[in-house]
Amino acid sequence: RELPAKEGKKPKSKAPKIQRLVTPLTLQRKRRRMAIKKQKAQRSRTDAAEYAKLLAQRTKEAREKRQSIIAKRRASRTSSV
């Protein structure tokens, strides 16, 4: 845009600020970024579910082991008495 000329000076023009251009390449990069983000979220969900399953299995095994030890103790107590 043209600025009004001041006394004794040449008329000046002011250019607009250059914004980032939205090119097909920038959109492609954005799509890729978002896709990677979604993949990571999906992978973390599946990993968390897998880990929870493993944890449940281990706690179940530990509980059964504890129960068997307690049962052995009870059996040995009743047979000795």
N, C-alpha and C. Protein backbone atom coordinates (compact mmCIF):
# COMPACT_ATOMS: atom_id res chain seq x y z
N ARG A 1 0.84 -1.19 0.00
CA ARG A 1 0.00 0.00 0.00
C ARG A 1 0.88 1.24 0.00
N GLU A 2 0.38 2.25 -0.57
CA GLU A 2 1.14 3.51 -0.66
C GLU A 2 0.94 4.31 0.61
N LEU A 3 2.05 4.81 1.15
CA LEU A 3 1.98 5.67 2.33
C LEU A 3 1.96 7.13 1.87
N PRO A 4 1.28 7.97 2.62
CA PRO A 4 1.26 9.38 2.20
C PRO A 4 2.67 9.99 2.27
N ALA A 5 3.02 10.76 1.26
CA ALA A 5 4.37 11.36 1.19
C ALA A 5 4.49 12.47 2.22
N LYS A 6 5.64 12.50 2.91
CA LYS A 6 5.91 13.57 3.87
C LYS A 6 6.63 14.70 3.14
N GLU A 7 6.64 15.86 3.76
CA GLU A 7 7.25 17.02 3.10
C GLU A 7 8.74 16.79 2.88
N GLY A 8 9.17 16.98 1.67
CA GLY A 8 10.59 16.89 1.34
C GLY A 8 11.11 15.46 1.24
N LYS A 9 10.23 14.47 1.26
CA LYS A 9 10.69 13.07 1.17
C LYS A 9 9.96 12.37 0.03
N LYS A 10 10.57 11.29 -0.45
CA LYS A 10 9.96 10.52 -1.53
C LYS A 10 8.77 9.71 -1.00
N PRO A 11 7.76 9.46 -1.82
CA PRO A 11 6.65 8.60 -1.36
C PRO A 11 7.11 7.15 -1.20
N LYS A 12 6.68 6.54 -0.14
CA LYS A 12 7.08 5.16 0.14
C LYS A 12 5.88 4.23 0.07
N SER A 13 6.17 2.96 -0.13
CA SER A 13 5.11 1.96 -0.09
C SER A 13 5.47 0.90 0.95
N LYS A 14 4.46 0.33 1.56
CA LYS A 14 4.68 -0.66 2.60
C LYS A 14 4.11 -2.00 2.13
N ALA A 15 4.93 -3.05 2.20
CA ALA A 15 4.50 -4.37 1.75
C ALA A 15 3.84 -5.12 2.90
N PRO A 16 2.87 -5.96 2.59
CA PRO A 16 2.24 -6.75 3.66
C PRO A 16 3.21 -7.80 4.19
N LYS A 17 2.97 -8.23 5.43
CA LYS A 17 3.81 -9.29 6.00
C LYS A 17 3.56 -10.57 5.22
N ILE A 18 4.63 -11.27 4.92
CA ILE A 18 4.50 -12.51 4.15
C ILE A 18 4.11 -13.63 5.10
N GLN A 19 3.00 -14.28 4.81
CA GLN A 19 2.57 -15.41 5.61
C GLN A 19 3.10 -16.69 4.99
N ARG A 20 3.06 -17.76 5.76
CA ARG A 20 3.50 -19.05 5.22
C ARG A 20 2.52 -19.49 4.14
N LEU A 21 3.06 -19.95 3.05
CA LEU A 21 2.21 -20.42 1.97
C LEU A 21 1.75 -21.84 2.26
N VAL A 22 0.50 -22.10 1.99
CA VAL A 22 -0.04 -23.45 2.17
C VAL A 22 0.12 -24.16 0.83
N THR A 23 1.20 -24.93 0.74
CA THR A 23 1.50 -25.65 -0.50
C THR A 23 1.10 -27.11 -0.33
N PRO A 24 0.99 -27.84 -1.43
CA PRO A 24 0.69 -29.28 -1.32
C PRO A 24 1.72 -30.03 -0.48
N LEU A 25 2.97 -29.59 -0.53
CA LEU A 25 4.02 -30.25 0.24
C LEU A 25 3.82 -30.05 1.74
N THR A 26 3.44 -28.82 2.14
CA THR A 26 3.21 -28.58 3.57
C THR A 26 2.02 -29.38 4.07
N LEU A 27 0.97 -29.49 3.22
CA LEU A 27 -0.20 -30.28 3.60
C LEU A 27 0.16 -31.76 3.72
N GLN A 28 1.01 -32.22 2.80
CA GLN A 28 1.44 -33.62 2.84
C GLN A 28 2.22 -33.89 4.12
N ARG A 29 3.10 -32.97 4.47
CA ARG A 29 3.89 -33.14 5.70
C ARG A 29 2.98 -33.15 6.93
N LYS A 30 1.97 -32.29 6.92
CA LYS A 30 1.02 -32.24 8.04
C LYS A 30 0.25 -33.56 8.14
N ARG A 31 -0.20 -34.08 6.98
CA ARG A 31 -0.90 -35.36 6.98
C ARG A 31 -0.01 -36.46 7.55
N ARG A 32 1.25 -36.47 7.14
CA ARG A 32 2.19 -37.49 7.62
C ARG A 32 2.40 -37.37 9.13
N ARG A 33 2.56 -36.13 9.61
CA ARG A 33 2.74 -35.90 11.05
C ARG A 33 1.56 -36.42 11.84
N MET A 34 0.36 -36.11 11.37
CA MET A 34 -0.86 -36.54 12.06
C MET A 34 -1.00 -38.06 12.02
N ALA A 35 -0.65 -38.67 10.86
CA ALA A 35 -0.75 -40.12 10.73
C ALA A 35 0.20 -40.81 11.70
N ILE A 36 1.41 -40.28 11.80
CA ILE A 36 2.41 -40.86 12.72
C ILE A 36 1.91 -40.73 14.16
N LYS A 37 1.33 -39.59 14.48
CA LYS A 37 0.80 -39.36 15.82
C LYS A 37 -0.30 -40.38 16.15
N LYS A 38 -1.20 -40.62 15.19
CA LYS A 38 -2.27 -41.59 15.40
C LYS A 38 -1.71 -43.00 15.56
N GLN A 39 -0.70 -43.34 14.74
CA GLN A 39 -0.09 -44.67 14.84
C GLN A 39 0.55 -44.88 16.20
N LYS A 40 1.23 -43.85 16.70
CA LYS A 40 1.88 -43.96 18.02
C LYS A 40 0.85 -44.14 19.12
N ALA A 41 -0.26 -43.41 19.02
CA ALA A 41 -1.32 -43.53 20.02
C ALA A 41 -1.91 -44.94 20.00
N GLN A 42 -2.17 -45.45 18.79
CA GLN A 42 -2.73 -46.80 18.63
C GLN A 42 -1.76 -47.84 19.20
N ARG A 43 -0.47 -47.70 18.88
CA ARG A 43 0.53 -48.64 19.35
C ARG A 43 0.64 -48.61 20.88
N SER A 44 0.57 -47.42 21.46
CA SER A 44 0.67 -47.33 22.91
C SER A 44 -0.55 -47.96 23.57
N ARG A 45 -1.73 -47.82 22.94
CA ARG A 45 -2.93 -48.45 23.48
C ARG A 45 -2.80 -49.97 23.46
N THR A 46 -2.34 -50.51 22.33
CA THR A 46 -2.21 -51.97 22.23
C THR A 46 -1.14 -52.48 23.19
N ASP A 47 -0.04 -51.74 23.32
CA ASP A 47 1.01 -52.14 24.25
C ASP A 47 0.50 -52.13 25.69
N ALA A 48 -0.28 -51.12 26.03
CA ALA A 48 -0.83 -51.01 27.39
C ALA A 48 -1.78 -52.18 27.66
N ALA A 49 -2.59 -52.54 26.68
CA ALA A 49 -3.52 -53.65 26.86
C ALA A 49 -2.75 -54.97 27.03
N GLU A 50 -1.70 -55.13 26.22
CA GLU A 50 -0.88 -56.34 26.31
C GLU A 50 -0.22 -56.45 27.69
N TYR A 51 0.29 -55.32 28.17
CA TYR A 51 0.96 -55.30 29.47
C TYR A 51 -0.03 -55.60 30.59
N ALA A 52 -1.23 -55.03 30.49
CA ALA A 52 -2.25 -55.28 31.52
C ALA A 52 -2.61 -56.76 31.55
N LYS A 53 -2.68 -57.39 30.37
CA LYS A 53 -2.99 -58.81 30.27
C LYS A 53 -1.88 -59.63 30.95
N LEU A 54 -0.62 -59.28 30.66
CA LEU A 54 0.52 -59.98 31.25
C LEU A 54 0.53 -59.81 32.76
N LEU A 55 0.24 -58.60 33.22
CA LEU A 55 0.22 -58.31 34.65
C LEU A 55 -0.87 -59.13 35.34
N ALA A 56 -2.05 -59.21 34.73
CA ALA A 56 -3.14 -59.98 35.30
C ALA A 56 -2.76 -61.45 35.40
N GLN A 57 -2.10 -61.95 34.37
CA GLN A 57 -1.67 -63.35 34.37
C GLN A 57 -0.68 -63.61 35.50
N ARG A 58 0.27 -62.71 35.66
CA ARG A 58 1.29 -62.89 36.70
C ARG A 58 0.69 -62.80 38.10
N THR A 59 -0.24 -61.87 38.30
CA THR A 59 -0.87 -61.76 39.62
C THR A 59 -1.70 -63.01 39.92
N LYS A 60 -2.35 -63.55 38.89
CA LYS A 60 -3.14 -64.77 39.06
C LYS A 60 -2.23 -65.94 39.45
N GLU A 61 -1.08 -66.05 38.76
CA GLU A 61 -0.13 -67.11 39.07
C GLU A 61 0.41 -66.95 40.50
N ALA A 62 0.71 -65.73 40.89
CA ALA A 62 1.24 -65.48 42.23
C ALA A 62 0.19 -65.84 43.28
N ARG A 63 -1.07 -65.49 43.02
CA ARG A 63 -2.15 -65.80 43.94
C ARG A 63 -2.32 -67.32 44.09
N GLU A 64 -2.28 -68.02 42.96
CA GLU A 64 -2.41 -69.48 43.01
C GLU A 64 -1.25 -70.12 43.77
N LYS A 65 -0.06 -69.60 43.55
CA LYS A 65 1.13 -70.12 44.24
C LYS A 65 0.98 -69.92 45.75
N ARG A 66 0.55 -68.72 46.13
CA ARG A 66 0.35 -68.41 47.55
C ARG A 66 -0.69 -69.34 48.16
N GLN A 67 -1.79 -69.56 47.42
CA GLN A 67 -2.85 -70.44 47.91
C GLN A 67 -2.35 -71.87 48.11
N SER A 68 -1.51 -72.33 47.15
CA SER A 68 -1.00 -73.70 47.26
C SER A 68 -0.07 -73.83 48.47
N ILE A 69 0.74 -72.80 48.72
CA ILE A 69 1.63 -72.83 49.88
C ILE A 69 0.82 -72.86 51.17
N ILE A 70 -0.23 -72.04 51.24
CA ILE A 70 -1.10 -72.00 52.43
C ILE A 70 -1.79 -73.35 52.60
N ALA A 71 -2.24 -73.94 51.50
CA ALA A 71 -2.92 -75.24 51.57
C ALA A 71 -1.95 -76.32 52.10
N LYS A 72 -0.70 -76.28 51.67
CA LYS A 72 0.31 -77.23 52.14
C LYS A 72 0.50 -77.08 53.65
N ARG A 73 0.59 -75.83 54.09
CA ARG A 73 0.77 -75.57 55.53
C ARG A 73 -0.41 -76.13 56.32
N ARG A 74 -1.61 -75.85 55.83
CA ARG A 74 -2.81 -76.34 56.52
C ARG A 74 -2.83 -77.87 56.56
N ALA A 75 -2.47 -78.49 55.45
CA ALA A 75 -2.48 -79.94 55.37
C ALA A 75 -1.45 -80.53 56.35
N SER A 76 -0.28 -79.90 56.41
CA SER A 76 0.76 -80.43 57.32
C SER A 76 0.36 -80.20 58.79
N ARG A 77 -0.35 -79.12 59.07
CA ARG A 77 -0.78 -78.85 60.45
C ARG A 77 -1.83 -79.87 60.91
N THR A 78 -2.78 -80.15 60.02
CA THR A 78 -3.85 -81.06 60.41
C THR A 78 -3.32 -82.50 60.54
N SER A 79 -2.36 -82.88 59.73
CA SER A 79 -1.84 -84.25 59.79
C SER A 79 -0.96 -84.43 61.03
N SER A 80 -0.26 -83.41 61.48
CA SER A 80 0.60 -83.52 62.66
C SER A 80 -0.18 -83.47 63.95
N VAL A 81 -1.34 -82.87 63.96
CA VAL A 81 -2.15 -82.75 65.17
C VAL A 81 -2.94 -83.98 65.45
